[in-house]
């Protein structure tokens, strides 16, 4: 919202390189912001890239709408050269603009693999969102990406119901940056520092006397990796008060730290201005992040725990397991789905009654007999398009079924006996306090348990 006016925005956020943002502003103009600098007409950007140069080409490409016509009226450039000069002036104020320098600037910002990297996950998400089929090894922006993003943005602004806005808190849009990825980034920083040292030595030394030993110094790489393990916010001593404490620490999910919430990196007082929606339980957390186990202090909702059967896929998105259902018959085939994939299906809960032989859904009729069910309760899309609302659906429409009632919660929450009779706040306290229990010198089995204790101890 901008002064009460709904503003639609489209962003390309790479793993490395300049951000590119398109926006339909409150005055109804299509604008672009390159590398978070001052905004200008998006049509100038299209002309500069040579995608569409004349007004007719732009109208043909983006459609004849009021937004596009308003933008063209504001556009000061009429040729590709004018557009390049205009962009260079905004990006490099104070430097004398030339067409060649402007062209090399744009090329370096978005189309150079050395300076721009979407990463595999970036290309995957762009292809999925915009319906493109660009190969996964193309990790820079393409002109097709830019055109498709502008067309999608204008369709959303025009009220096209087939185009959807992204929810930033949805687990289909939030990914886990694993330890390996964080170490890889530090290694890249160390390598770039070492490269700079090597280049300086090559320039200063006599070519006849150069040896690999005299050029290469690995200390920048060692220092970068030591810096990460020694001082990173996410580098912590493992909690080992008992086996559960260590297991929970390894399965922790954090919204803080590098690549997480900016401006909330230290000090509890700073975290009080985090939007409530970030801390809140979201329907996409189902079977992915435990809705119960979280700290009770200022980090509540910002730090969570991986659900019991959830795992992280190659792109960093959390997947949950489901049993395949075909024609009302439940199979033993397990399918792993991300949060945005599962929303295209109807999913029955794990405790829906099933006949052990036929594997069909059953119910008890008025006479007390077990008969095949016609309808079951399942999670599906609501009338307003939101997913997760339970509804009565025909058994033929059910696509998947939960694998276990336990899959919703974390390991610690699953160790609480008779959890369903407990208040959620007390369960949160119980899950956290189990990690503080002092282990017995002579251990013995609990009198009351859930059956998860042995597996939790083995996996710790």
Protein backbone atom coordinates (compact mmCIF):
# COMPACT_ATOMS: atom_id res chain seq x y z
CA UNK A 1 0.00 0.00 0.00
CA UNK A 2 1.22 3.52 -0.85
CA UNK A 3 -0.92 6.30 0.71
CA UNK A 4 -3.95 4.00 0.65
CA UNK A 5 -3.41 2.94 -2.99
CA UNK A 6 -2.71 -0.74 -3.74
CA UNK A 7 0.68 -0.99 -5.47
CA UNK A 8 1.76 -4.15 -7.33
CA UNK A 9 5.46 -4.98 -7.46
CA UNK A 10 7.60 -7.63 -9.18
CA UNK A 11 11.16 -8.38 -8.00
CA UNK A 12 14.10 -10.42 -9.29
CA UNK A 13 16.30 -11.13 -6.25
CA UNK A 14 19.46 -13.04 -7.28
CA UNK A 15 21.79 -15.04 -5.06
CA UNK A 16 24.54 -12.66 -6.22
CA UNK A 17 24.17 -9.41 -8.15
CA UNK A 18 21.87 -6.41 -8.63
CA UNK A 19 18.17 -6.47 -7.75
CA UNK A 20 15.65 -5.66 -10.49
CA UNK A 21 12.23 -4.36 -9.42
CA UNK A 22 9.19 -3.46 -11.53
CA UNK A 23 6.21 -1.65 -10.05
CA UNK A 24 2.87 -0.13 -11.06
CA UNK A 25 2.98 2.96 -8.85
CA UNK A 26 0.08 4.87 -7.26
CA UNK A 27 -0.16 7.16 -10.32
CA UNK A 28 -0.63 4.19 -12.66
CA UNK A 29 2.86 4.29 -14.21
CA UNK A 30 5.02 1.22 -14.89
CA UNK A 31 8.42 1.94 -13.31
CA UNK A 32 11.70 0.07 -12.82
CA UNK A 33 14.32 0.25 -10.09
CA UNK A 34 17.77 -1.10 -10.98
CA UNK A 35 20.00 -2.14 -8.06
CA UNK A 36 17.70 -0.26 -5.64
CA UNK A 37 18.55 3.09 -7.25
CA UNK A 38 16.05 5.82 -8.26
CA UNK A 39 13.01 4.63 -10.19
CA UNK A 40 12.40 5.43 -13.85
CA UNK A 41 9.97 4.40 -16.60
CA UNK A 42 10.10 0.69 -17.38
CA UNK A 43 9.70 1.46 -21.10
CA UNK A 44 13.13 3.18 -20.99
CA UNK A 45 14.57 -0.11 -19.73
CA UNK A 46 12.86 -2.09 -22.52
CA UNK A 47 14.22 0.30 -25.15
CA UNK A 48 17.75 0.18 -23.66
CA UNK A 49 17.80 -3.63 -23.86
CA UNK A 50 16.52 -3.54 -27.44
CA UNK A 51 13.51 -5.69 -26.52
CA UNK A 52 11.04 -3.13 -27.90
CA UNK A 53 12.21 0.26 -29.19
CA UNK A 54 9.22 2.04 -30.76
CA UNK A 55 5.96 2.87 -28.97
CA UNK A 56 4.06 0.48 -31.25
CA UNK A 57 6.44 -2.38 -30.42
CA UNK A 58 6.01 -1.73 -26.68
CA UNK A 59 2.19 -1.62 -26.98
CA UNK A 60 2.27 -4.85 -29.00
CA UNK A 61 4.51 -6.52 -26.41
CA UNK A 62 2.80 -5.39 -23.18
CA UNK A 63 -0.75 -4.80 -24.43
CA UNK A 64 -2.63 -1.56 -25.05
CA UNK A 65 -3.58 -0.56 -21.51
CA UNK A 66 -3.86 2.73 -19.60
CA UNK A 67 -0.78 1.85 -17.53
CA UNK A 68 1.41 1.32 -20.62
CA UNK A 69 0.11 4.48 -22.34
CA UNK A 70 0.65 6.56 -19.17
CA UNK A 71 4.21 5.22 -18.98
CA UNK A 72 4.94 6.00 -22.63
CA UNK A 73 3.74 9.59 -22.13
CA UNK A 74 6.30 10.01 -19.31
CA UNK A 75 9.07 8.31 -21.30
CA UNK A 76 11.77 10.83 -22.27
CA UNK A 77 13.62 8.42 -24.61
CA UNK A 78 12.56 7.63 -28.17
CA UNK A 79 15.53 5.56 -29.38
CA UNK A 80 17.66 2.79 -27.88
CA UNK A 81 20.65 5.15 -27.58
CA UNK A 82 18.59 7.76 -25.70
CA UNK A 83 17.35 5.06 -23.32
CA UNK A 84 20.87 3.76 -22.64
CA UNK A 85 22.11 7.30 -21.85
CA UNK A 86 19.10 7.91 -19.56
CA UNK A 87 19.71 4.70 -17.58
CA UNK A 88 23.45 5.43 -17.25
CA UNK A 89 22.67 8.90 -15.86
CA UNK A 90 20.49 7.36 -13.13
CA UNK A 91 22.97 4.58 -12.29
CA UNK A 92 26.18 6.62 -12.47
CA UNK A 93 25.32 10.25 -11.70
CA UNK A 94 28.28 12.57 -12.17
CA UNK A 95 30.03 10.38 -14.77
CA UNK A 96 29.99 11.38 -18.47
CA UNK A 97 27.48 9.03 -20.19
CA UNK A 98 28.29 7.22 -23.43
CA UNK A 99 26.29 4.59 -25.29
CA UNK A 100 29.07 1.97 -25.05
CA UNK A 101 29.61 2.43 -21.32
CA UNK A 102 25.83 2.27 -20.73
CA UNK A 103 25.55 -0.93 -22.76
CA UNK A 104 28.43 -2.59 -20.88
CA UNK A 105 26.91 -1.43 -17.55
CA UNK A 106 23.56 -3.11 -18.29
CA UNK A 107 25.26 -6.23 -19.62
CA UNK A 108 27.39 -6.50 -16.48
CA UNK A 109 24.44 -5.96 -14.14
CA UNK A 110 22.12 -8.73 -15.36
CA UNK A 111 23.66 -10.78 -18.17
CA UNK A 112 27.22 -11.47 -16.98
CA UNK A 113 27.74 -14.82 -15.19
CA UNK A 114 30.72 -13.42 -13.26
CA UNK A 115 28.65 -10.68 -11.60
CA UNK A 116 25.09 -12.07 -11.62
CA UNK A 117 23.86 -15.46 -10.41
CA UNK A 118 20.25 -16.51 -9.91
CA UNK A 119 21.44 -19.91 -8.59
CA UNK A 120 19.61 -23.07 -9.64
CA UNK A 121 16.77 -22.31 -7.26
CA UNK A 122 16.29 -18.84 -8.78
CA UNK A 123 15.97 -20.22 -12.31
CA UNK A 124 13.64 -22.97 -11.02
CA UNK A 125 11.31 -20.45 -9.31
CA UNK A 126 11.28 -18.03 -12.28
CA UNK A 127 10.42 -20.84 -14.71
CA UNK A 128 7.68 -22.09 -12.36
CA UNK A 129 6.16 -18.67 -11.70
CA UNK A 130 6.23 -17.35 -15.26
CA UNK A 131 5.60 -20.66 -17.05
CA UNK A 132 8.92 -20.62 -18.91
CA UNK A 133 11.12 -23.53 -20.00
CA UNK A 134 14.57 -21.94 -19.91
CA UNK A 135 17.33 -24.53 -19.13
CA UNK A 136 18.40 -24.79 -15.48
CA UNK A 137 22.03 -23.98 -16.36
CA UNK A 138 21.04 -20.47 -17.57
CA UNK A 139 21.62 -18.64 -14.28
CA UNK A 140 21.50 -15.06 -15.57
CA UNK A 141 18.41 -13.07 -16.53
CA UNK A 142 17.11 -13.37 -20.08
CA UNK A 143 15.02 -10.90 -22.06
CA UNK A 144 12.21 -13.47 -22.00
CA UNK A 145 12.22 -13.35 -18.17
CA UNK A 146 11.87 -9.56 -18.17
CA UNK A 147 9.03 -9.53 -20.72
CA UNK A 148 7.16 -12.37 -18.95
CA UNK A 149 7.51 -10.62 -15.56
CA UNK A 150 6.13 -7.35 -16.96
CA UNK A 151 3.21 -9.14 -18.64
CA UNK A 152 2.43 -11.02 -15.39
CA UNK A 153 2.61 -7.80 -13.34
CA UNK A 154 0.26 -5.95 -15.70
CA UNK A 155 -2.17 -8.91 -15.67
CA UNK A 156 -2.22 -8.90 -11.84
CA UNK A 157 -2.79 -5.13 -11.82
CA UNK A 158 -5.65 -5.53 -14.32
CA UNK A 159 -7.35 -8.02 -11.97
CA UNK A 160 -6.68 -11.26 -13.87
CA UNK A 161 -7.84 -13.97 -11.41
CA UNK A 162 -5.62 -16.63 -13.01
CA UNK A 163 -2.54 -14.70 -11.81
CA UNK A 164 -1.72 -14.89 -8.10
CA UNK A 165 0.19 -12.63 -5.74
CA UNK A 166 3.02 -14.22 -3.76
CA UNK A 167 2.72 -14.56 0.01
CA UNK A 168 6.18 -13.82 1.44
CA UNK A 169 5.46 -15.96 4.54
CA UNK A 170 4.38 -19.01 2.51
CA UNK A 171 6.81 -21.95 2.65
CA UNK A 172 6.59 -22.21 -1.13
CA UNK A 173 8.47 -18.88 -1.20
CA UNK A 174 10.76 -19.35 1.82
CA UNK A 175 13.71 -21.69 1.58
CA UNK A 176 16.25 -23.13 3.98
CA UNK A 177 19.86 -22.05 3.51
CA UNK A 178 21.72 -25.10 4.75
CA UNK A 179 25.14 -25.12 6.41
CA UNK A 180 26.80 -26.24 3.17
CA UNK A 181 25.43 -23.26 1.28
CA UNK A 182 26.55 -20.81 3.96
CA UNK A 183 30.07 -22.30 4.02
CA UNK A 184 30.13 -22.22 0.21
CA UNK A 185 29.39 -18.48 0.26
CA UNK A 186 32.22 -17.91 2.73
CA UNK A 187 34.55 -19.99 0.56
CA UNK A 188 33.63 -17.83 -2.44
CA UNK A 189 34.49 -14.68 -0.47
CA UNK A 190 37.86 -16.20 0.47
CA UNK A 191 38.56 -17.24 -3.13
CA UNK A 192 37.79 -13.75 -4.47
CA UNK A 193 40.19 -12.23 -1.90
CA UNK A 194 42.88 -14.73 -2.91
CA UNK A 195 42.28 -13.94 -6.59
CA UNK A 196 42.85 -10.24 -5.91
CA UNK A 197 46.16 -11.00 -4.14
CA UNK A 198 47.31 -13.26 -7.01
CA UNK A 199 46.52 -10.57 -9.61
CA UNK A 200 48.44 -7.94 -7.64
CA UNK A 201 51.50 -10.22 -7.33
CA UNK A 202 51.38 -11.13 -11.04
CA UNK A 203 51.42 -7.43 -11.91
CA UNK A 204 54.34 -6.64 -9.60
CA UNK A 205 56.63 -9.67 -10.11
CA UNK A 206 58.96 -10.47 -12.99
CA UNK A 207 57.36 -13.02 -15.34
CA UNK A 208 60.53 -15.17 -15.41
CA UNK A 209 60.64 -15.55 -11.62
CA UNK A 210 56.95 -16.36 -11.04
CA UNK A 211 56.13 -19.70 -9.38
CA UNK A 212 52.78 -20.95 -8.01
CA UNK A 213 54.21 -20.83 -4.49
CA UNK A 214 55.13 -17.16 -4.82
CA UNK A 215 51.71 -16.19 -6.21
CA UNK A 216 49.21 -18.18 -4.17
CA UNK A 217 48.54 -17.55 -0.49
CA UNK A 218 45.70 -19.58 1.03
CA UNK A 219 45.42 -17.44 4.17
CA UNK A 220 42.41 -15.40 2.86
CA UNK A 221 40.42 -18.65 2.37
CA UNK A 222 41.39 -20.01 5.80
CA UNK A 223 40.52 -16.66 7.42
CA UNK A 224 37.10 -16.49 5.70
CA UNK A 225 36.12 -20.01 6.83
CA UNK A 226 37.45 -19.45 10.37
CA UNK A 227 35.51 -16.18 10.52
CA UNK A 228 32.29 -18.03 9.66
CA UNK A 229 32.71 -20.79 12.25
CA UNK A 230 34.09 -18.39 14.86
CA UNK A 231 31.80 -15.38 14.67
CA UNK A 232 28.71 -16.11 12.53
CA UNK A 233 25.39 -15.68 14.32
CA UNK A 234 24.38 -19.16 13.13
CA UNK A 235 27.59 -20.82 14.38
CA UNK A 236 26.70 -22.08 17.87
CA UNK A 237 27.99 -24.60 20.41
CA UNK A 238 25.70 -27.62 20.21
CA UNK A 239 23.27 -27.99 23.08
CA UNK A 240 24.09 -31.40 24.59
CA UNK A 241 22.30 -31.38 27.95
CA UNK A 242 20.58 -34.60 26.83
CA UNK A 243 20.09 -36.52 23.54
CA UNK A 244 16.90 -34.60 22.68
CA UNK A 245 18.64 -31.24 23.12
CA UNK A 246 21.29 -32.13 20.54
CA UNK A 247 18.77 -33.56 18.06
CA UNK A 248 16.50 -30.51 18.35
CA UNK A 249 19.44 -28.12 17.91
CA UNK A 250 20.40 -29.86 14.65
CA UNK A 251 16.80 -29.64 13.37
CA UNK A 252 16.36 -25.95 14.18
CA UNK A 253 15.04 -23.47 11.60
CA UNK A 254 15.93 -19.78 12.02
CA UNK A 255 14.57 -16.67 10.29
CA UNK A 256 17.52 -14.68 11.67
CA UNK A 257 21.15 -14.45 10.61
CA UNK A 258 22.72 -13.83 7.17
CA UNK A 259 20.11 -13.93 4.41
CA UNK A 260 17.33 -13.77 7.02
CA UNK A 261 15.51 -10.85 8.58
CA UNK A 262 17.59 -7.73 7.91
CA UNK A 263 18.04 -5.26 10.74
CA UNK A 264 17.20 -7.79 13.46
CA UNK A 265 20.62 -9.33 13.83
CA UNK A 266 21.44 -8.64 17.46
CA UNK A 267 19.83 -7.45 20.65
CA UNK A 268 16.37 -8.54 21.76
CA UNK A 269 14.97 -4.99 21.65
CA UNK A 270 15.43 -4.81 17.89
CA UNK A 271 13.27 -7.85 17.30
CA UNK A 272 10.16 -6.27 18.77
CA UNK A 273 9.42 -4.49 15.46
CA UNK A 274 9.32 -7.69 13.38
CA UNK A 275 5.88 -7.93 11.66
CA UNK A 276 3.50 -10.29 13.47
CA UNK A 277 2.85 -12.18 10.22
CA UNK A 278 6.49 -13.36 10.17
CA UNK A 279 6.10 -14.93 13.64
CA UNK A 280 2.64 -16.35 13.03
CA UNK A 281 1.72 -19.95 12.24
CA UNK A 282 0.99 -20.28 8.50
CA UNK A 283 -1.10 -23.00 6.85
CA UNK A 284 1.93 -23.92 4.68
CA UNK A 285 3.83 -24.91 7.86
CA UNK A 286 1.66 -28.07 8.05
CA UNK A 287 3.98 -31.11 8.26
CA UNK A 288 7.00 -28.86 7.60
CA UNK A 289 7.61 -26.73 10.69
CA UNK A 290 6.22 -27.52 14.13
CA UNK A 291 3.48 -25.03 15.14
CA UNK A 292 4.24 -25.65 18.83
CA UNK A 293 8.00 -25.75 19.47
CA UNK A 294 9.46 -22.22 19.45
CA UNK A 295 11.27 -20.03 22.04
CA UNK A 296 9.15 -18.12 24.58
CA UNK A 297 11.28 -14.95 24.50
CA UNK A 298 11.75 -12.21 21.87
CA UNK A 299 12.54 -14.85 19.21
CA UNK A 300 9.10 -16.45 19.42
CA UNK A 301 7.99 -17.47 15.94
CA UNK A 302 11.36 -16.52 14.40
CA UNK A 303 13.02 -19.79 15.41
CA UNK A 304 11.20 -23.07 14.84
CA UNK A 305 11.82 -26.79 14.56
CA UNK A 306 11.59 -29.11 11.57
CA UNK A 307 8.48 -31.33 11.64
CA UNK A 308 8.95 -35.06 12.28
CA UNK A 309 9.09 -36.42 8.70
CA UNK A 310 9.92 -33.23 6.79
CA UNK A 311 13.10 -32.95 4.76
CA UNK A 312 14.82 -30.23 2.73
CA UNK A 313 14.99 -30.77 -1.06
CA UNK A 314 17.82 -29.82 -3.44
CA UNK A 315 16.49 -26.26 -3.82
CA UNK A 316 16.17 -25.64 -0.08
CA UNK A 317 12.36 -25.96 0.11
CA UNK A 318 10.88 -28.13 2.86
CA UNK A 319 8.95 -31.17 1.62
CA UNK A 320 6.37 -33.27 3.48
CA UNK A 321 5.41 -36.93 2.77
CA UNK A 322 1.92 -38.06 1.66
CA UNK A 323 0.39 -41.41 0.64
CA UNK A 324 -0.98 -41.56 -2.90
CA UNK A 325 -4.75 -42.11 -3.24
CA UNK A 326 -6.22 -43.28 -6.57
CA UNK A 327 -9.99 -43.65 -7.06
CA UNK A 328 -10.60 -43.75 -3.33
CA UNK A 329 -8.00 -46.51 -2.76
CA UNK A 330 -5.03 -45.65 -0.52
CA UNK A 331 -1.65 -46.97 -1.69
CA UNK A 332 1.64 -47.33 0.20
CA UNK A 333 3.46 -45.12 -2.33
CA UNK A 334 4.97 -42.07 -0.63
CA UNK A 335 5.12 -38.76 -2.51
CA UNK A 336 7.13 -35.78 -1.20
CA UNK A 337 5.66 -32.36 -1.95
CA UNK A 338 6.59 -28.74 -1.32
CA UNK A 339 4.04 -26.35 0.18
CA UNK A 340 3.02 -24.84 -3.17
CA UNK A 341 2.74 -28.26 -4.87
CA UNK A 342 0.39 -29.72 -2.24
CA UNK A 343 -2.06 -26.83 -2.67
CA UNK A 344 -3.08 -28.22 -6.06
CA UNK A 345 -4.42 -31.39 -4.40
CA UNK A 346 -7.06 -32.60 -1.94
CA UNK A 347 -5.47 -34.29 1.08
CA UNK A 348 -7.21 -36.47 3.70
CA UNK A 349 -5.94 -36.68 7.31
CA UNK A 350 -4.01 -39.76 8.50
CA UNK A 351 -6.74 -40.91 10.93
CA UNK A 352 -9.40 -41.29 8.21
CA UNK A 353 -10.74 -44.89 8.63
CA UNK A 354 -9.47 -47.36 5.98
CA UNK A 355 -10.42 -50.99 5.34
CA UNK A 356 -7.19 -52.98 6.01
CA UNK A 357 -7.80 -55.34 3.05
CA UNK A 358 -9.29 -53.21 0.27
CA UNK A 359 -7.47 -50.01 1.42
CA UNK A 360 -10.68 -48.04 0.70
CA UNK A 361 -12.05 -45.28 2.91
CA UNK A 362 -14.79 -46.62 5.21
CA UNK A 363 -17.34 -45.28 7.70
CA UNK A 364 -19.86 -46.63 10.21
CA UNK A 365 -23.48 -46.42 8.98
CA UNK A 366 -26.65 -45.88 11.06
CA UNK A 367 -26.89 -49.62 11.81
CA UNK A 368 -23.34 -49.73 13.17
CA UNK A 369 -21.94 -51.55 10.12
CA UNK A 370 -18.64 -50.64 8.43
CA UNK A 371 -19.37 -49.62 4.82
CA UNK A 372 -17.44 -47.88 2.04
CA UNK A 373 -17.47 -44.12 2.57
CA UNK A 374 -18.91 -41.79 -0.07
CA UNK A 375 -17.40 -38.61 1.37
CA UNK A 376 -14.49 -37.84 3.71
CA UNK A 377 -13.15 -34.74 5.42
CA UNK A 378 -10.03 -33.43 3.67
CA UNK A 379 -7.92 -30.30 3.34
CA UNK A 380 -8.75 -28.38 0.17
CA UNK A 381 -9.03 -24.87 -1.24
CA UNK A 382 -11.54 -22.53 0.39
CA UNK A 383 -14.03 -20.46 -1.65
CA UNK A 384 -11.62 -17.50 -1.42
CA UNK A 385 -8.73 -19.55 -2.85
CA UNK A 386 -6.84 -20.15 0.42
CA UNK A 387 -5.69 -23.73 1.07
CA UNK A 388 -6.03 -25.75 4.25
CA UNK A 389 -9.71 -25.45 5.18
CA UNK A 390 -11.27 -28.87 6.00
CA UNK A 391 -14.30 -29.78 3.91
CA UNK A 392 -16.44 -32.81 3.03
CA UNK A 393 -15.35 -34.11 -0.40
CA UNK A 394 -16.23 -37.22 -2.49
CA UNK A 395 -13.69 -40.02 -1.95
CA UNK A 396 -12.94 -40.09 -5.71
CA UNK A 397 -11.62 -36.51 -5.48
CA UNK A 398 -9.02 -37.27 -2.77
CA UNK A 399 -5.48 -37.26 -4.21
CA UNK A 400 -3.32 -37.87 -1.14
CA UNK A 401 -3.45 -38.78 2.53
CA UNK A 402 -1.20 -37.85 5.47
CA UNK A 403 1.24 -40.63 6.42
CA UNK A 404 0.80 -40.19 10.19
CA UNK A 405 -0.97 -37.93 12.69
CA UNK A 406 2.52 -37.30 14.15
CA UNK A 407 3.88 -35.64 11.00
CA UNK A 408 2.48 -32.25 12.00
CA UNK A 409 4.79 -31.82 15.02
CA UNK A 410 8.50 -31.81 15.89
CA UNK A 411 10.42 -34.59 17.66
CA UNK A 412 10.17 -32.84 21.06
CA UNK A 413 6.41 -32.26 20.77
CA UNK A 414 5.96 -35.90 19.74
CA UNK A 415 7.58 -37.03 23.00
CA UNK A 416 4.74 -35.53 25.08
CA UNK A 417 2.22 -38.26 26.04
CA UNK A 418 -1.47 -37.52 25.37
CA UNK A 419 -0.53 -34.33 23.56
CA UNK A 420 -4.05 -33.86 22.18
CA UNK A 421 -5.41 -33.25 25.71
CA UNK A 422 -2.82 -30.57 26.44
CA UNK A 423 -3.19 -26.82 26.02
CA UNK A 424 -0.92 -25.49 23.23
CA UNK A 425 0.91 -23.06 25.55
CA UNK A 426 1.67 -25.80 28.06
CA UNK A 427 2.81 -28.08 25.22
CA UNK A 428 5.23 -25.40 24.04
CA UNK A 429 6.67 -25.14 27.55
CA UNK A 430 6.88 -28.94 27.86
CA UNK A 431 8.64 -29.34 24.50
CA UNK A 432 11.23 -26.72 25.48
CA UNK A 433 11.75 -27.95 29.04
CA UNK A 434 12.37 -31.57 27.98
CA UNK A 435 15.63 -30.32 26.46
CA UNK A 436 16.77 -29.15 29.91
CA UNK A 437 16.24 -32.51 31.64
CA UNK A 438 19.39 -33.96 33.23
CA UNK A 439 20.04 -37.54 31.98
CA UNK A 440 19.99 -40.33 34.56
CA UNK A 441 23.24 -42.13 35.41
CA UNK A 442 21.31 -45.41 35.39
CA UNK A 443 18.75 -44.88 32.65
CA UNK A 444 15.48 -46.82 32.46
CA UNK A 445 12.39 -46.76 30.26
CA UNK A 446 9.64 -44.25 31.15
CA UNK A 447 6.40 -45.54 32.69
CA UNK A 448 4.42 -43.46 30.15
CA UNK A 449 5.81 -42.78 26.67
CA UNK A 450 4.78 -42.16 23.07
CA UNK A 451 7.00 -44.74 21.36
CA UNK A 452 9.27 -42.08 19.86
CA UNK A 453 11.84 -42.11 22.68
CA UNK A 454 14.07 -44.87 21.30
CA UNK A 455 14.20 -43.45 17.78
CA UNK A 456 14.91 -39.93 19.07
CA UNK A 457 17.83 -41.25 21.14
CA UNK A 458 19.24 -43.27 18.20
CA UNK A 459 19.03 -40.35 15.77
CA UNK A 460 20.64 -37.88 18.15
